[in-house]
C-alpha atoms as a PDB file:
ATOM      1  CA  MET A   1      77.698 101.239  83.674  1.00  0.00           C
ATOM      2  CA  GLY A   2      80.590  99.173  82.055  1.00  0.00           C
ATOM      3  CA  PHE A   3      84.049  99.039  82.685  1.00  0.00           C
ATOM      4  CA  PHE A   4      84.123 100.815  79.289  1.00  0.00           C
ATOM      5  CA  SER A   5      81.134 103.201  79.985  1.00  0.00           C
ATOM      6  CA  LYS A   6      80.302 106.065  77.602  1.00  0.00           C
ATOM      7  CA  ASP A   7      81.817 108.320  80.274  1.00  0.00           C
ATOM      8  CA  ILE A   8      84.857 107.050  79.614  1.00  0.00           C
ATOM      9  CA  GLU A   9      86.793 109.083  76.221  1.00  0.00           C
ATOM     10  CA  THR A  10      90.084 109.871  77.068  1.00  0.00           C
ATOM     11  CA  LEU A  11      92.889 108.412  79.191  1.00  0.00           C
ATOM     12  CA  ASN A  12      92.290 110.629  82.031  1.00  0.00           C
ATOM     13  CA  ASP A  13      88.672 109.464  82.210  1.00  0.00           C
ATOM     14  CA  LEU A  14      90.085 106.542  82.483  1.00  0.00           C
ATOM     15  CA  PHE A  15      92.429 106.988  85.179  1.00  0.00           C
ATOM     16  CA  VAL A  16      90.004 109.046  87.559  1.00  0.00           C
ATOM     17  CA  HIS A  17      87.957 105.955  86.539  1.00  0.00           C
ATOM     18  CA  THR A  18      90.170 103.227  88.476  1.00  0.00           C
ATOM     19  CA  LEU A  19      91.128 105.479  91.023  1.00  0.00           C
ATOM     20  CA  ARG A  20      86.965 105.359  91.306  1.00  0.00           C
ATOM     21  CA  ASP A  21      87.231 101.849  91.909  1.00  0.00           C
ATOM     22  CA  ILE A  22      90.785 101.718  94.118  1.00  0.00           C
ATOM     23  CA  TYR A  23      88.515 104.027  96.356  1.00  0.00           C
ATOM     24  CA  TYR A  24      85.918 101.330  96.785  1.00  0.00           C
ATOM     25  CA  ALA A  25      87.744  98.757  97.004  1.00  0.00           C
ATOM     26  CA  GLU A  26      89.970  99.943  99.767  1.00  0.00           C
ATOM     27  CA  GLN A  27      86.981 101.145 101.649  1.00  0.00           C
ATOM     28  CA  GLN A  28      85.435  97.502 100.936  1.00  0.00           C
ATOM     29  CA  ILE A  29      88.364  95.771 101.986  1.00  0.00           C
ATOM     30  CA  GLU A  30      88.465  98.564 104.981  1.00  0.00           C
ATOM     31  CA  LYS A  31      85.169  97.112 106.525  1.00  0.00           C
ATOM     32  CA  ALA A  32      86.115  93.023 105.771  1.00  0.00           C
ATOM     33  CA  LEU A  33      89.842  93.355 107.480  1.00  0.00           C
ATOM     34  CA  PRO A  34      88.305  93.663 111.098  1.00  0.00           C
ATOM     35  CA  GLN A  35      86.005  90.055 110.361  1.00  0.00           C
ATOM     36  CA  MET A  36      89.252  88.735 109.062  1.00  0.00           C
ATOM     37  CA  ILE A  37      91.042  89.900 112.374  1.00  0.00           C
ATOM     38  CA  ASP A  38      88.389  88.048 114.082  1.00  0.00           C
ATOM     39  CA  LYS A  39      88.553  84.622 112.186  1.00  0.00           C
ATOM     40  CA  ALA A  40      92.388  84.269 112.273  1.00  0.00           C
ATOM     41  CA  THR A  41      93.483  82.319 114.758  1.00  0.00           C
ATOM     42  CA  ALA A  42      97.503  82.155 114.441  1.00  0.00           C
ATOM     43  CA  PRO A  43      99.409  85.415 116.449  1.00  0.00           C
ATOM     44  CA  GLU A  44     100.769  86.678 114.162  1.00  0.00           C
ATOM     45  CA  LEU A  45      97.858  86.506 111.179  1.00  0.00           C
ATOM     46  CA  LYS A  46      95.960  88.547 113.617  1.00  0.00           C
ATOM     47  CA  ALA A  47      99.001  91.043 113.948  1.00  0.00           C
ATOM     48  CA  GLY A  48      99.451  91.354 110.598  1.00  0.00           C
ATOM     49  CA  PHE A  49      95.678  91.822 109.441  1.00  0.00           C
ATOM     50  CA  GLU A  50      95.731  94.745 112.280  1.00  0.00           C
ATOM     51  CA  LYS A  51      98.857  96.321 110.482  1.00  0.00           C
ATOM     52  CA  HIS A  52      97.342  96.246 107.011  1.00  0.00           C
ATOM     53  CA  LEU A  53      94.131  97.191 108.391  1.00  0.00           C
ATOM     54  CA  GLU A  54      95.983 100.684 109.792  1.00  0.00           C
ATOM     55  CA  GLN A  55      98.182 100.712 106.353  1.00  0.00           C
ATOM     56  CA  THR A  56      94.518 100.643 104.290  1.00  0.00           C
ATOM     57  CA  ARG A  57      93.007 103.192 106.277  1.00  0.00           C
ATOM     58  CA  GLY A  58      96.404 105.440 105.201  1.00  0.00           C
ATOM     59  CA  HIS A  59      96.067 104.382 101.562  1.00  0.00           C
ATOM     60  CA  ILE A  60      92.109 105.649 101.327  1.00  0.00           C
ATOM     61  CA  ARG A  61      94.101 108.730 103.166  1.00  0.00           C
ATOM     62  CA  ARG A  62      96.149 108.942 100.086  1.00  0.00           C
ATOM     63  CA  VAL A  63      93.375 108.435  97.398  1.00  0.00           C
ATOM     64  CA  GLU A  64      91.523 110.336  98.343  1.00  0.00           C
ATOM     65  CA  GLN A  65      95.412 112.959  98.152  1.00  0.00           C
ATOM     66  CA  VAL A  66      95.534 112.101  94.593  1.00  0.00           C
ATOM     67  CA  PHE A  67      91.903 113.183  93.766  1.00  0.00           C
ATOM     68  CA  GLU A  68      92.474 116.586  95.683  1.00  0.00           C
ATOM     69  CA  MET A  69      95.714 116.540  93.573  1.00  0.00           C
ATOM     70  CA  HIS A  70      94.643 116.339  90.223  1.00  0.00           C
ATOM     71  CA  GLY A  71      91.135 118.281  90.703  1.00  0.00           C
ATOM     72  CA  ALA A  72      88.658 115.051  90.589  1.00  0.00           C
ATOM     73  CA  GLU A  73      85.793 114.432  93.051  1.00  0.00           C
ATOM     74  CA  ALA A  74      86.788 111.481  95.096  1.00  0.00           C
ATOM     75  CA  GLU A  75      84.095 109.044  94.805  1.00  0.00           C
ATOM     76  CA  GLU A  76      83.010 105.628  94.605  1.00  0.00           C
ATOM     77  CA  VAL A  77      82.547 103.121  91.522  1.00  0.00           C
ATOM     78  CA  ASP A  78      81.368  99.879  92.041  1.00  0.00           C
ATOM     79  CA  CYS A  79      84.059  97.557  91.735  1.00  0.00           C
ATOM     80  CA  PRO A  80      82.443  93.541  91.569  1.00  0.00           C
ATOM     81  CA  ALA A  81      85.788  92.503  91.155  1.00  0.00           C
ATOM     82  CA  ILE A  82      86.924  93.264  94.552  1.00  0.00           C
ATOM     83  CA  ASP A  83      83.720  92.331  96.047  1.00  0.00           C
ATOM     84  CA  GLY A  84      83.398  88.810  94.324  1.00  0.00           C
ATOM     85  CA  ILE A  85      87.320  88.564  96.002  1.00  0.00           C
ATOM     86  CA  LEU A  86      85.782  89.236  99.565  1.00  0.00           C
ATOM     87  CA  GLU A  87      82.407  87.171  98.925  1.00  0.00           C
ATOM     88  CA  GLU A  88      84.590  83.850  97.983  1.00  0.00           C
ATOM     89  CA  ALA A  89      86.566  84.742 100.912  1.00  0.00           C
ATOM     90  CA  ASP A  90      83.806  84.974 103.344  1.00  0.00           C
ATOM     91  CA  ASP A  91      82.274  81.843 101.886  1.00  0.00           C
ATOM     92  CA  VAL A  92      85.515  79.957 101.949  1.00  0.00           C
ATOM     93  CA  SER A  93      86.494  81.074 105.356  1.00  0.00           C
ATOM     94  CA  GLY A  94      82.858  80.536 106.379  1.00  0.00           C
ATOM     95  CA  ASP A  95      83.687  76.409 105.042  1.00  0.00           C
ATOM     96  CA  VAL A  96      86.840  75.324 107.270  1.00  0.00           C
ATOM     97  CA  ASP A  97      86.231  73.914 110.888  1.00  0.00           C
ATOM     98  CA  ASP A  98      89.591  72.998 111.276  1.00  0.00           C
ATOM     99  CA  LYS A  99      91.906  76.562 112.696  1.00  0.00           C
ATOM    100  CA  GLN A 100      94.825  76.307 111.180  1.00  0.00           C
ATOM    101  CA  VAL A 101      93.480  74.966 107.479  1.00  0.00           C
ATOM    102  CA  LEU A 102      91.393  78.391 108.460  1.00  0.00           C
ATOM    103  CA  ASP A 103      94.455  80.583 108.949  1.00  0.00           C
ATOM    104  CA  ALA A 104      95.893  79.130 105.580  1.00  0.00           C
ATOM    105  CA  ALA A 105      92.852  80.055 103.860  1.00  0.00           C
ATOM    106  CA  LEU A 106      92.944  83.320 105.418  1.00  0.00           C
ATOM    107  CA  ILE A 107      96.537  84.129 103.636  1.00  0.00           C
ATOM    108  CA  ALA A 108      95.311  83.075 100.515  1.00  0.00           C
ATOM    109  CA  SER A 109      92.082  85.119 100.051  1.00  0.00           C
ATOM    110  CA  ALA A 110      94.142  87.823 101.542  1.00  0.00           C
ATOM    111  CA  GLN A 111      96.469  87.692  98.870  1.00  0.00           C
ATOM    112  CA  ALA A 112      93.839  87.642  96.068  1.00  0.00           C
ATOM    113  CA  VAL A 113      92.931  91.013  97.255  1.00  0.00           C
ATOM    114  CA  GLU A 114      96.780  92.223  97.426  1.00  0.00           C
ATOM    115  CA  HIS A 115      97.554  90.692  93.854  1.00  0.00           C
ATOM    116  CA  TYR A 116      94.195  93.198  93.112  1.00  0.00           C
ATOM    117  CA  GLU A 117      95.457  96.492  94.363  1.00  0.00           C
ATOM    118  CA  MET A 118      98.886  95.608  93.329  1.00  0.00           C
ATOM    119  CA  THR A 119      97.420  96.232  89.284  1.00  0.00           C
ATOM    120  CA  ARG A 120      95.479  98.079  89.882  1.00  0.00           C
ATOM    121  CA  TYR A 121      98.195 100.707  91.837  1.00  0.00           C
ATOM    122  CA  GLY A 122     100.126  99.776  88.808  1.00  0.00           C
ATOM    123  CA  THR A 123      98.284 100.497  85.868  1.00  0.00           C
ATOM    124  CA  LEU A 124      96.867 103.972  87.636  1.00  0.00           C
ATOM    125  CA  ILE A 125     100.885 104.689  88.350  1.00  0.00           C
ATOM    126  CA  ALA A 126     101.770 104.529  84.347  1.00  0.00           C
ATOM    127  CA  TRP A 127      98.052 106.669  84.064  1.00  0.00           C
ATOM    128  CA  ALA A 128      99.593 109.270  86.101  1.00  0.00           C
ATOM    129  CA  LYS A 129     103.225 109.195  85.096  1.00  0.00           C
ATOM    130  CA  GLN A 130     101.787 109.266  81.103  1.00  0.00           C
ATOM    131  CA  LEU A 131      99.301 111.995  81.784  1.00  0.00           C
ATOM    132  CA  GLY A 132     102.011 114.330  83.431  1.00  0.00           C
ATOM    133  CA  ARG A 133     101.019 113.517  87.147  1.00  0.00           C
ATOM    134  CA  ASP A 134     104.262 112.670  88.463  1.00  0.00           C
ATOM    135  CA  ASP A 135     102.902 113.970  92.113  1.00  0.00           C
ATOM    136  CA  CYS A 136     100.002 111.817  91.890  1.00  0.00           C
ATOM    137  CA  ALA A 137     101.858 108.627  90.465  1.00  0.00           C
ATOM    138  CA  ARG A 138     104.268 109.140  93.732  1.00  0.00           C
ATOM    139  CA  VAL A 139     101.623 109.206  95.835  1.00  0.00           C
ATOM    140  CA  LEU A 140     100.125 106.191  94.468  1.00  0.00           C
ATOM    141  CA  ALA A 141     103.558 104.095  94.498  1.00  0.00           C
ATOM    142  CA  GLU A 142     103.498 104.799  98.452  1.00  0.00           C
ATOM    143  CA  ASN A 143      99.993 102.243  98.551  1.00  0.00           C
ATOM    144  CA  LEU A 144     101.937 100.069  96.323  1.00  0.00           C
ATOM    145  CA  LYS A 145     104.905  99.547  98.142  1.00  0.00           C
ATOM    146  CA  GLU A 146     103.131  98.981 101.017  1.00  0.00           C
ATOM    147  CA  GLU A 147     100.617  96.342  98.857  1.00  0.00           C
ATOM    148  CA  VAL A 148     104.157  94.882  97.941  1.00  0.00           C
ATOM    149  CA  GLU A 149     104.919  94.316 101.035  1.00  0.00           C
ATOM    150  CA  THR A 150     102.474  92.722 103.121  1.00  0.00           C
ATOM    151  CA  ASP A 151     102.045  90.287 100.035  1.00  0.00           C
ATOM    152  CA  ARG A 152     105.446  89.324 100.369  1.00  0.00           C
ATOM    153  CA  LYS A 153     105.045  88.900 104.703  1.00  0.00           C
ATOM    154  CA  LEU A 154     102.295  87.395 104.189  1.00  0.00           C
ATOM    155  CA  THR A 155     104.075  84.502 101.560  1.00  0.00           C
ATOM    156  CA  GLU A 156     106.464  84.410 104.349  1.00  0.00           C
ATOM    157  CA  MET A 157     104.020  83.478 106.893  1.00  0.00           C
ATOM    158  CA  ALA A 158     102.212  80.741 105.002  1.00  0.00           C
ATOM    159  CA  GLU A 159     105.195  79.243 103.908  1.00  0.00           C
ATOM    160  CA  SER A 160     107.328  79.156 107.118  1.00  0.00           C
ATOM    161  CA  LYS A 161     104.137  78.558 109.282  1.00  0.00           C
ATOM    162  CA  ILE A 162     100.657  78.527 108.442  1.00  0.00           C
ATOM    163  CA  ASN A 163     101.085  76.622 105.856  1.00  0.00           C
ATOM    164  CA  LEU A 164     102.753  73.810 107.428  1.00  0.00           C
ATOM    165  CA  ARG A 165     100.622  73.748 110.199  1.00  0.00           C
ATOM    166  CA  ALA A 166      97.602  73.631 108.013  1.00  0.00           C
ATOM    167  CA  ALA A 167      99.183  70.568 106.362  1.00  0.00           C
ATOM    168  CA  GLU A 168      99.755  68.227 110.308  1.00  0.00           C
END
């Protein structure tokens, strides 16, 4: 099924489809984070990934809450974008022998994931508001806020420590 398939005729249809997309994405991220935790060598990076794993579980619960609030069935649609980002992250991290460089690669991969999530949540919030679903928008905004904060922390970690170690 293409992104703009026949079953998407209204903004509401598009909203629900995209909600199912981020639901799938969050679940794939929940599966990928333990591997990233295992590969990370910097204690602060491991801790950051562990915290984000817990947040991701909360994101899934909030997305399920939005499905319920909106009267839509909580189900997934495949998201080739997140699959590609996660596959690339796995490929890159598998090619790096130097542990400091590996940590830098893991941060870059994690930020690619965060940026994807941020675009999806931003779009969903805008559409929810347009559909008169400020209640759904508020719940989705909680996820967006955490994604933005995680991205900020990853940038700070990369610029203050991880990238410096990788460059040595």
